[in-house]
Amino acid sequence: MSAPPAVVGMVRRLEDAGFETWVVGGCVRDVLAGRSAGDWDLTTRARPKDVRRLFRRTVPIGVEHGTVGVIGEDSVLYEVTTFRRDVATDGRHAVVAFADRIEDDLARRDFTINAIAWHPLRDELYDPYGGRADLEAGILRAVGAPSRRFAEDHLRVLRALRFAGLFDLRIEPATWTALKQAAPKLRTLSAERIREELLKVLGADPRPSSVLSAYRDAGALGVLYPELADVPEPGREWSGTLATVDRLPRGRPLQRLAALLRPLDPSGAAALLVRLRLSNAQTDETARRAAAPPLPPADASDADFRRWLSAVGVARLTAVARIELAEARAGKSGRDVGDLVDSWRRARRVRNARPPLEVADLALTGDDLIGLGLRPGPDFGRILASLLGWVLEDPNRNRRELLEARALELAVGEPPEGGAAEP
């Protein structure tokens, strides 16, 4: 292993001041697993006041819990945390005390693969629980008694499933048994913690299907996302949905989330998204992608494509088309991939012609309806929506004089078949 020079310099300064310091956390695990290191985190015998005294540029990230952010010589922010031991836990929060030994700090960690420390000055790996061997053998194992680890923090149930999927690990039998027993406790966690775990799975894992299948097997899906747990299995719906999610790219968790919610009715999808406490904009966008109707077939009329674009939204075309392509490649939708690509191209051509697709695009406004002598009220929305449908059939109808005549007809009821000839 090799750390950035700024990290080595920080360790040296702390050690020279008499404070034992190690590199810990995901960066050690990731490098041992043959992956690029993420954040480089340090743990030390120094107390927060000592760290702030030794380094000029610091940020109080979580001083009460022992964590100080130190801006290194490379201008990167690194977390430096005092050795800790648990005093009390309730499954959601932990009361910790500062400790003087690295052994105490590693003993409180969740899984053996995360309980490995590395000393960059001595190039020494400290691995008291056999995490490296477990990583090489493809095993996920709790540190110490599994039931105790999950009782300390219920979120570890979801972390175990995520790590198992991300690193292709088998969960050791005793750990798996304790995990399943702890799954009902997941409902006590905050929505934010649950959401972040799901978004990490959808954002980083190349095959989220393995983790989501484990969610179901462990009982976590039924506890957290009963709407998804009700999607039939075995059958094409659930397995096809997971295969679809796998075929969408990493780094776009909300796109994958929309694909995951496609089997649900709009109310079920909305309820799940509200529970996750996404922002209003994220909730609305994800729900709309999930509920989008299928693209018309490639040989459909331009009017069909205009109606689809109006219903789905021009800005949503690419995102929804990519989900549909993933569904087709997963064999879920039954559509031919080539036909779907042709449909996407047709939709783009229709869009690029810039036809009127929204009420705001009409050559007639609510003020114009008032000018025609119509009284403002709920019927305005009905009339404008009807005018838009009329224009979607033929964009040439988007002329003020035609729309005025049509609006007056709508105000007194639909004209007879074939009525209201166009000038």
Protein backbone atom coordinates (compact mmCIF):
# COMPACT_ATOMS: atom_id res chain seq x y z
CA MET A 1 0.00 0.00 0.00
CA SER A 2 1.02 3.58 -0.53
CA ALA A 3 -0.71 6.67 0.81
CA PRO A 4 -0.72 10.20 -0.62
CA PRO A 5 2.31 12.20 0.59
CA ALA A 6 0.00 14.55 2.50
CA VAL A 7 -1.35 11.60 4.51
CA VAL A 8 2.14 10.32 5.28
CA GLY A 9 3.11 13.81 6.43
CA MET A 10 0.12 14.04 8.75
CA VAL A 11 0.87 10.66 10.30
CA ARG A 12 4.51 11.66 10.80
CA ARG A 13 3.59 14.93 12.53
CA LEU A 14 1.20 13.15 14.91
CA GLU A 15 3.67 10.38 15.65
CA ASP A 16 6.52 12.86 16.22
CA ALA A 17 4.28 14.57 18.77
CA GLY A 18 3.91 11.24 20.58
CA PHE A 19 0.49 10.19 19.28
CA GLU A 20 0.11 6.73 17.75
CA THR A 21 -1.71 7.08 14.41
CA TRP A 22 -3.02 4.61 11.80
CA VAL A 23 -4.84 4.71 8.48
CA VAL A 24 -8.19 2.92 8.78
CA GLY A 25 -11.52 2.45 7.09
CA GLY A 26 -12.63 1.89 3.55
CA CYS A 27 -9.38 2.96 1.93
CA VAL A 28 -7.49 0.06 3.54
CA ARG A 29 -10.22 -2.42 2.63
CA ASP A 30 -10.50 -1.13 -0.93
CA VAL A 31 -6.77 -1.30 -1.63
CA LEU A 32 -6.58 -4.83 -0.25
CA ALA A 33 -9.51 -5.75 -2.52
CA GLY A 34 -7.62 -4.43 -5.54
CA ARG A 35 -9.68 -1.27 -5.89
CA SER A 36 -8.67 2.35 -5.88
CA ALA A 37 -8.75 3.92 -2.44
CA GLY A 38 -11.53 6.32 -1.57
CA ASP A 39 -11.19 8.71 1.33
CA TRP A 40 -8.05 8.34 3.46
CA ASP A 41 -9.09 8.41 7.11
CA LEU A 42 -6.80 8.43 10.13
CA THR A 43 -7.36 7.29 13.69
CA THR A 44 -5.06 8.47 16.45
CA ARG A 45 -4.47 8.55 20.19
CA ALA A 46 -4.42 12.36 19.96
CA ARG A 47 -7.50 14.14 21.27
CA PRO A 48 -9.29 16.67 19.07
CA LYS A 49 -7.61 19.60 20.86
CA ASP A 50 -4.21 18.04 20.14
CA VAL A 51 -5.04 17.62 16.44
CA ARG A 52 -6.19 21.23 16.18
CA ARG A 53 -3.03 22.40 17.91
CA LEU A 54 -0.73 20.42 15.58
CA PHE A 55 -2.34 21.43 12.28
CA ARG A 56 -2.98 24.95 11.12
CA ARG A 57 -5.98 24.33 8.86
CA THR A 58 -8.69 22.29 10.56
CA VAL A 59 -12.47 21.95 10.36
CA PRO A 60 -14.57 20.81 13.38
CA ILE A 61 -16.47 18.05 11.57
CA GLY A 62 -17.58 16.17 14.68
CA VAL A 63 -15.35 17.20 17.55
CA GLU A 64 -17.77 15.86 20.16
CA HIS A 65 -17.31 12.42 18.57
CA GLY A 66 -13.56 12.85 18.16
CA THR A 67 -13.38 13.80 14.48
CA VAL A 68 -11.45 16.78 13.16
CA GLY A 69 -11.09 17.60 9.48
CA VAL A 70 -7.50 18.45 8.56
CA ILE A 71 -6.72 20.15 5.27
CA GLY A 72 -3.52 18.53 4.05
CA GLU A 73 -0.66 20.00 2.08
CA ASP A 74 -2.47 18.89 -1.08
CA SER A 75 -5.54 20.99 -0.04
CA VAL A 76 -7.61 17.82 0.44
CA LEU A 77 -9.73 17.47 3.57
CA TYR A 78 -8.85 14.36 5.63
CA GLU A 79 -10.74 13.10 8.68
CA VAL A 80 -8.66 12.47 11.80
CA THR A 81 -10.55 10.69 14.59
CA THR A 82 -9.45 9.89 18.11
CA PHE A 83 -9.40 6.20 19.11
CA ARG A 84 -12.85 5.40 20.52
CA ARG A 85 -14.72 2.71 22.38
CA ASP A 86 -18.48 2.28 22.78
CA VAL A 87 -19.99 3.08 26.16
CA ALA A 88 -23.67 2.56 25.28
CA THR A 89 -25.67 1.84 22.12
CA ASP A 90 -29.37 1.58 21.32
CA GLY A 91 -29.33 0.49 17.69
CA ARG A 92 -29.57 4.04 16.38
CA HIS A 93 -27.02 6.07 18.35
CA ALA A 94 -23.84 5.30 20.22
CA VAL A 95 -22.30 6.95 23.24
CA VAL A 96 -18.54 6.74 22.83
CA ALA A 97 -15.50 7.48 24.96
CA PHE A 98 -12.00 8.27 23.81
CA ALA A 99 -9.53 5.40 24.05
CA ASP A 100 -5.75 5.10 24.08
CA ARG A 101 -5.30 1.93 22.02
CA ILE A 102 -5.92 1.04 18.39
CA GLU A 103 -7.19 -2.34 19.64
CA ASP A 104 -10.17 -0.64 21.33
CA ASP A 105 -11.00 1.28 18.19
CA LEU A 106 -10.96 -1.75 15.89
CA ALA A 107 -12.99 -3.84 18.37
CA ARG A 108 -16.02 -1.55 17.94
CA ARG A 109 -16.12 -1.82 14.14
CA ASP A 110 -18.77 -3.75 12.26
CA PHE A 111 -17.10 -6.32 9.99
CA THR A 112 -13.67 -7.87 9.85
CA ILE A 113 -12.95 -6.36 6.42
CA ASN A 114 -13.45 -2.91 7.97
CA ALA A 115 -11.39 -3.62 11.09
CA ILE A 116 -7.96 -3.43 9.46
CA ALA A 117 -5.44 -0.67 10.16
CA TRP A 118 -2.31 0.25 8.24
CA HIS A 119 0.69 2.23 9.45
CA PRO A 120 2.22 4.10 6.47
CA LEU A 121 5.51 4.92 8.21
CA ARG A 122 6.24 1.29 9.13
CA ASP A 123 4.23 -0.23 6.29
CA GLU A 124 2.61 -2.40 8.94
CA LEU A 125 -0.82 -3.98 8.59
CA TYR A 126 -2.68 -4.58 11.86
CA ASP A 127 -5.47 -7.08 11.30
CA PRO A 128 -6.54 -8.65 14.61
CA TYR A 129 -9.80 -10.16 13.28
CA GLY A 130 -8.55 -11.71 10.03
CA GLY A 131 -10.23 -9.22 7.72
CA ARG A 132 -7.67 -9.64 4.97
CA ALA A 133 -8.10 -13.41 4.94
CA ASP A 134 -11.89 -13.01 4.87
CA LEU A 135 -11.60 -10.58 1.97
CA GLU A 136 -9.41 -12.99 0.04
CA ALA A 137 -11.76 -15.90 0.82
CA GLY A 138 -14.82 -13.89 -0.19
CA ILE A 139 -16.44 -13.87 3.25
CA LEU A 140 -18.25 -11.14 5.15
CA ARG A 141 -18.04 -11.74 8.90
CA ALA A 142 -19.01 -9.62 11.88
CA VAL A 143 -16.38 -8.57 14.40
CA GLY A 144 -17.03 -10.60 17.55
CA ALA A 145 -20.60 -11.70 18.32
CA PRO A 146 -22.79 -10.90 15.26
CA SER A 147 -26.00 -10.37 17.26
CA ARG A 148 -24.22 -7.80 19.42
CA ARG A 149 -22.84 -5.96 16.38
CA PHE A 150 -26.29 -5.62 14.81
CA ALA A 151 -27.90 -4.67 18.12
CA GLU A 152 -25.40 -1.83 18.48
CA ASP A 153 -26.38 -0.30 15.15
CA HIS A 154 -29.30 -1.62 13.11
CA LEU A 155 -27.95 0.10 9.99
CA ARG A 156 -25.26 -2.59 9.91
CA VAL A 157 -27.88 -4.94 8.45
CA LEU A 158 -27.99 -2.80 5.31
CA ARG A 159 -24.26 -2.19 5.31
CA ALA A 160 -23.64 -5.94 5.41
CA LEU A 161 -25.87 -6.48 2.39
CA ARG A 162 -24.22 -3.62 0.50
CA PHE A 163 -20.67 -4.79 1.22
CA ALA A 164 -21.53 -8.37 0.31
CA GLY A 165 -22.84 -7.23 -3.05
CA LEU A 166 -20.14 -4.67 -3.79
CA PHE A 167 -17.24 -7.02 -3.01
CA ASP A 168 -18.96 -10.25 -4.09
CA LEU A 169 -18.76 -11.77 -0.60
CA ARG A 170 -20.68 -14.61 1.03
CA ILE A 171 -22.16 -13.65 4.37
CA GLU A 172 -20.85 -16.07 7.00
CA PRO A 173 -23.70 -18.25 8.42
CA ALA A 174 -23.71 -16.89 11.98
CA THR A 175 -23.58 -13.33 10.66
CA TRP A 176 -26.42 -14.07 8.23
CA THR A 177 -28.60 -15.57 10.96
CA ALA A 178 -28.08 -12.58 13.23
CA LEU A 179 -28.68 -10.21 10.32
CA LYS A 180 -32.08 -11.76 9.52
CA GLN A 181 -33.07 -11.63 13.18
CA ALA A 182 -32.16 -7.94 13.30
CA ALA A 183 -33.95 -6.97 10.06
CA PRO A 184 -37.28 -6.04 11.76
CA LYS A 185 -35.39 -3.39 13.74
CA LEU A 186 -34.66 -1.49 10.52
CA ARG A 187 -37.95 0.36 10.83
CA THR A 188 -36.49 2.24 13.83
CA LEU A 189 -33.84 3.92 11.66
CA SER A 190 -34.21 7.42 10.28
CA ALA A 191 -35.39 7.83 6.70
CA GLU A 192 -32.17 9.64 5.87
CA ARG A 193 -29.93 6.72 6.89
CA ILE A 194 -32.11 4.24 5.00
CA ARG A 195 -32.15 6.47 1.92
CA GLU A 196 -28.40 6.94 1.84
CA GLU A 197 -27.79 3.18 2.01
CA LEU A 198 -30.15 2.56 -0.89
CA LEU A 199 -28.63 5.35 -2.99
CA LYS A 200 -25.14 3.97 -2.30
CA VAL A 201 -26.24 0.58 -3.60
CA LEU A 202 -27.87 2.08 -6.68
CA GLY A 203 -25.07 4.55 -7.28
CA ALA A 204 -21.92 2.47 -6.84
CA ASP A 205 -22.68 -1.22 -7.24
CA PRO A 206 -22.21 -2.56 -10.79
CA ARG A 207 -24.92 -5.17 -10.08
CA PRO A 208 -27.45 -3.78 -7.60
CA SER A 209 -29.63 -6.85 -8.26
CA SER A 210 -27.45 -8.98 -5.97
CA VAL A 211 -27.92 -6.58 -3.05
CA LEU A 212 -31.63 -6.03 -3.70
CA SER A 213 -32.18 -9.78 -3.90
CA ALA A 214 -30.40 -10.11 -0.56
CA TYR A 215 -32.64 -7.34 0.84
CA ARG A 216 -35.58 -9.58 -0.04
CA ASP A 217 -34.03 -12.80 1.28
CA ALA A 218 -33.10 -11.13 4.57
CA GLY A 219 -36.54 -9.62 5.10
CA ALA A 220 -35.25 -6.06 4.78
CA LEU A 221 -37.29 -5.38 1.63
CA GLY A 222 -40.56 -6.19 3.37
CA VAL A 223 -39.68 -4.00 6.34
CA LEU A 224 -38.47 -0.95 4.42
CA TYR A 225 -40.11 -1.20 1.01
CA PRO A 226 -43.25 -3.37 1.27
CA GLU A 227 -44.46 -2.05 -2.08
CA LEU A 228 -41.46 -3.69 -3.76
CA ALA A 229 -41.73 -6.82 -1.64
CA ASP A 230 -45.20 -7.34 -3.12
CA VAL A 231 -43.86 -7.44 -6.69
CA PRO A 232 -44.31 -11.10 -7.74
CA GLU A 233 -41.39 -13.52 -7.50
CA PRO A 234 -40.64 -15.83 -9.14
CA GLY A 235 -41.72 -14.28 -12.38
CA ARG A 236 -40.62 -11.80 -14.96
CA GLU A 237 -41.70 -8.70 -13.07
CA TRP A 238 -39.26 -8.71 -10.14
CA SER A 239 -36.35 -10.49 -11.83
CA GLY A 240 -36.86 -8.39 -14.97
CA THR A 241 -36.89 -5.21 -12.92
CA LEU A 242 -33.60 -6.14 -11.23
CA ALA A 243 -32.05 -7.02 -14.59
CA THR A 244 -33.17 -3.63 -15.89
CA VAL A 245 -31.54 -1.81 -12.98
CA ASP A 246 -28.28 -3.68 -13.62
CA ARG A 247 -28.25 -2.46 -17.22
CA LEU A 248 -28.41 1.20 -16.28
CA PRO A 249 -25.08 2.94 -15.61
CA ARG A 250 -23.55 3.50 -12.20
CA GLY A 251 -23.36 7.05 -10.91
CA ARG A 252 -27.06 7.76 -11.57
CA PRO A 253 -28.85 6.32 -8.54
CA LEU A 254 -32.11 8.17 -9.11
CA GLN A 255 -32.32 6.84 -12.67
CA ARG A 256 -31.91 3.32 -11.32
CA LEU A 257 -34.44 4.07 -8.59
CA ALA A 258 -37.00 5.11 -11.21
CA ALA A 259 -36.47 1.80 -13.04
CA LEU A 260 -36.86 -0.08 -9.76
CA LEU A 261 -40.22 1.60 -9.14
CA ARG A 262 -41.67 0.95 -12.62
CA PRO A 263 -43.72 -2.11 -11.56
CA LEU A 264 -45.54 -0.05 -8.90
CA ASP A 265 -48.70 1.97 -9.41
CA PRO A 266 -48.11 5.74 -9.12
CA SER A 267 -49.50 5.94 -5.59
CA GLY A 268 -47.21 3.14 -4.36
CA ALA A 269 -44.16 4.73 -5.98
CA ALA A 270 -45.06 8.14 -4.54
CA ALA A 271 -45.51 6.71 -1.03
CA LEU A 272 -42.10 5.03 -1.15
CA LEU A 273 -40.38 8.16 -2.44
CA VAL A 274 -41.99 10.32 0.25
CA ARG A 275 -40.74 7.94 2.94
CA LEU A 276 -37.21 8.26 1.59
CA ARG A 277 -37.41 12.03 2.09
CA LEU A 278 -35.82 12.97 -1.17
CA SER A 279 -36.12 16.61 -2.14
CA ASN A 280 -39.42 17.62 -3.71
CA ALA A 281 -37.73 18.02 -7.08
CA GLN A 282 -36.07 14.59 -6.86
CA THR A 283 -39.32 12.94 -5.75
CA ASP A 284 -41.29 14.51 -8.59
CA GLU A 285 -38.71 13.71 -11.27
CA THR A 286 -38.19 10.11 -10.15
CA ALA A 287 -41.94 9.49 -9.91
CA ARG A 288 -42.52 10.88 -13.41
CA ARG A 289 -39.79 8.71 -14.91
CA ALA A 290 -41.17 5.65 -13.14
CA ALA A 291 -44.75 6.30 -14.33
CA ALA A 292 -43.90 7.25 -17.93
CA PRO A 293 -45.94 5.28 -20.51
CA PRO A 294 -44.06 3.25 -23.16
CA LEU A 295 -42.67 5.02 -26.20
CA PRO A 296 -45.01 4.63 -29.20
CA PRO A 297 -43.91 2.03 -31.77
CA ALA A 298 -41.58 3.28 -34.48
CA ASP A 299 -44.35 3.29 -37.11
CA ALA A 300 -46.78 5.34 -34.98
CA SER A 301 -48.00 8.71 -36.22
CA ASP A 302 -46.31 11.99 -35.40
CA ALA A 303 -49.45 12.88 -33.41
CA ASP A 304 -48.87 9.80 -31.22
CA PHE A 305 -45.33 10.95 -30.52
CA ARG A 306 -46.48 14.50 -29.79
CA ARG A 307 -49.02 13.20 -27.29
CA TRP A 308 -46.34 11.04 -25.66
CA LEU A 309 -43.86 13.92 -25.44
CA SER A 310 -46.58 16.16 -23.99
CA ALA A 311 -47.50 13.59 -21.35
CA VAL A 312 -43.95 12.63 -20.38
CA GLY A 313 -42.16 15.94 -20.88
CA VAL A 314 -39.57 16.84 -23.51
CA ALA A 315 -36.77 17.08 -20.94
CA ARG A 316 -37.54 13.53 -19.79
CA LEU A 317 -37.23 11.86 -23.22
CA THR A 318 -33.63 10.65 -22.89
CA ALA A 319 -33.98 9.39 -19.32
CA VAL A 320 -37.18 7.45 -20.02
CA ALA A 321 -35.89 6.06 -23.32
CA ARG A 322 -32.78 4.75 -21.57
CA ILE A 323 -34.92 2.97 -18.98
CA GLU A 324 -37.01 1.42 -21.75
CA LEU A 325 -33.89 0.30 -23.60
CA ALA A 326 -32.60 -1.31 -20.41
CA GLU A 327 -35.96 -3.07 -19.99
CA ALA A 328 -35.81 -4.35 -23.56
CA ARG A 329 -32.24 -5.61 -23.17
CA ALA A 330 -33.26 -7.33 -19.93
CA GLY A 331 -36.11 -9.05 -21.75
CA LYS A 332 -38.65 -7.46 -19.46
CA SER A 333 -40.76 -5.41 -21.86
CA GLY A 334 -40.87 -7.83 -24.76
CA ARG A 335 -40.02 -5.01 -27.15
CA ASP A 336 -37.44 -5.34 -29.89
CA VAL A 337 -34.36 -3.26 -29.10
CA GLY A 338 -33.99 -2.13 -32.72
CA ASP A 339 -37.61 -0.99 -32.88
CA LEU A 340 -37.18 0.87 -29.61
CA VAL A 341 -34.09 2.66 -30.93
CA ASP A 342 -36.08 3.67 -34.01
CA SER A 343 -38.87 4.94 -31.73
CA TRP A 344 -36.37 7.03 -29.81
CA ARG A 345 -35.10 8.53 -33.05
CA ARG A 346 -38.64 9.31 -34.17
CA ALA A 347 -39.36 10.99 -30.85
CA ARG A 348 -36.23 13.11 -31.20
CA ARG A 349 -37.20 14.18 -34.73
CA VAL A 350 -40.69 15.14 -33.60
CA ARG A 351 -39.24 17.02 -30.62
CA ASN A 352 -36.71 18.85 -32.80
CA ALA A 353 -39.55 20.18 -34.98
CA ARG A 354 -40.51 22.17 -31.84
CA PRO A 355 -44.28 21.60 -31.98
CA PRO A 356 -46.52 23.03 -29.24
CA LEU A 357 -46.53 20.42 -26.47
CA GLU A 358 -47.67 22.32 -23.38
CA VAL A 359 -50.51 24.68 -22.53
CA ALA A 360 -47.91 27.45 -22.33
CA ASP A 361 -47.09 26.84 -26.01
CA LEU A 362 -50.64 27.62 -27.14
CA ALA A 363 -51.28 30.83 -29.09
CA LEU A 364 -54.10 31.52 -26.64
CA THR A 365 -53.89 32.32 -22.91
CA GLY A 366 -56.25 32.55 -19.99
CA ASP A 367 -56.33 36.32 -20.46
CA ASP A 368 -57.45 35.74 -24.04
CA LEU A 369 -60.32 33.60 -22.77
CA ILE A 370 -61.37 36.48 -20.51
CA GLY A 371 -61.20 38.76 -23.56
CA LEU A 372 -63.67 36.43 -25.27
CA GLY A 373 -66.11 37.13 -22.45
CA LEU A 374 -65.58 33.84 -20.60
CA ARG A 375 -65.67 33.91 -16.81
CA PRO A 376 -62.51 32.68 -15.02
CA GLY A 377 -62.93 29.44 -13.12
CA PRO A 378 -62.27 25.70 -13.16
CA ASP A 379 -63.49 25.43 -16.74
CA PHE A 380 -60.48 27.44 -17.92
CA GLY A 381 -58.18 24.52 -17.17
CA ARG A 382 -60.51 22.10 -18.95
CA ILE A 383 -60.76 24.34 -22.00
CA LEU A 384 -57.00 24.91 -22.26
CA ALA A 385 -56.28 21.20 -21.81
CA SER A 386 -58.79 20.38 -24.53
CA LEU A 387 -57.25 22.99 -26.83
CA LEU A 388 -53.83 21.44 -26.27
CA GLY A 389 -55.15 17.99 -27.18
CA TRP A 390 -56.67 19.46 -30.32
CA VAL A 391 -53.37 21.11 -31.28
CA LEU A 392 -51.37 17.95 -30.58
CA GLU A 393 -53.38 16.29 -33.32
CA ASP A 394 -52.31 19.00 -35.77
CA PRO A 395 -49.82 21.73 -34.80
CA ASN A 396 -51.13 23.92 -37.63
CA ARG A 397 -54.20 24.50 -35.48
CA ASN A 398 -52.11 26.57 -33.07
CA ARG A 399 -53.39 29.88 -34.44
CA ARG A 400 -55.19 32.36 -32.30
CA GLU A 401 -58.29 32.72 -34.44
CA LEU A 402 -58.77 28.95 -34.63
CA LEU A 403 -58.21 28.52 -30.91
CA GLU A 404 -60.68 31.32 -30.09
CA ALA A 405 -63.40 29.67 -32.16
CA ARG A 406 -62.67 26.28 -30.63
CA ALA A 407 -62.63 27.74 -27.11
CA LEU A 408 -66.09 29.27 -27.59
CA GLU A 409 -67.40 25.91 -28.79
CA LEU A 410 -65.90 24.19 -25.77
CA ALA A 411 -67.39 26.77 -23.45
CA VAL A 412 -70.91 25.75 -24.46
CA GLY A 413 -70.17 22.05 -25.03
CA GLU A 414 -68.47 19.92 -27.66
CA PRO A 415 -69.56 20.68 -31.24
CA PRO A 416 -71.31 17.95 -33.20
CA GLU A 417 -69.20 15.52 -35.19
CA GLY A 418 -67.57 17.36 -38.05
CA GLY A 419 -68.68 20.77 -36.76
CA ALA A 420 -66.68 23.99 -36.57
CA ALA A 421 -64.98 23.87 -39.93
CA GLU A 422 -61.59 25.48 -39.94
CA PRO A 423 -61.17 28.67 -41.98
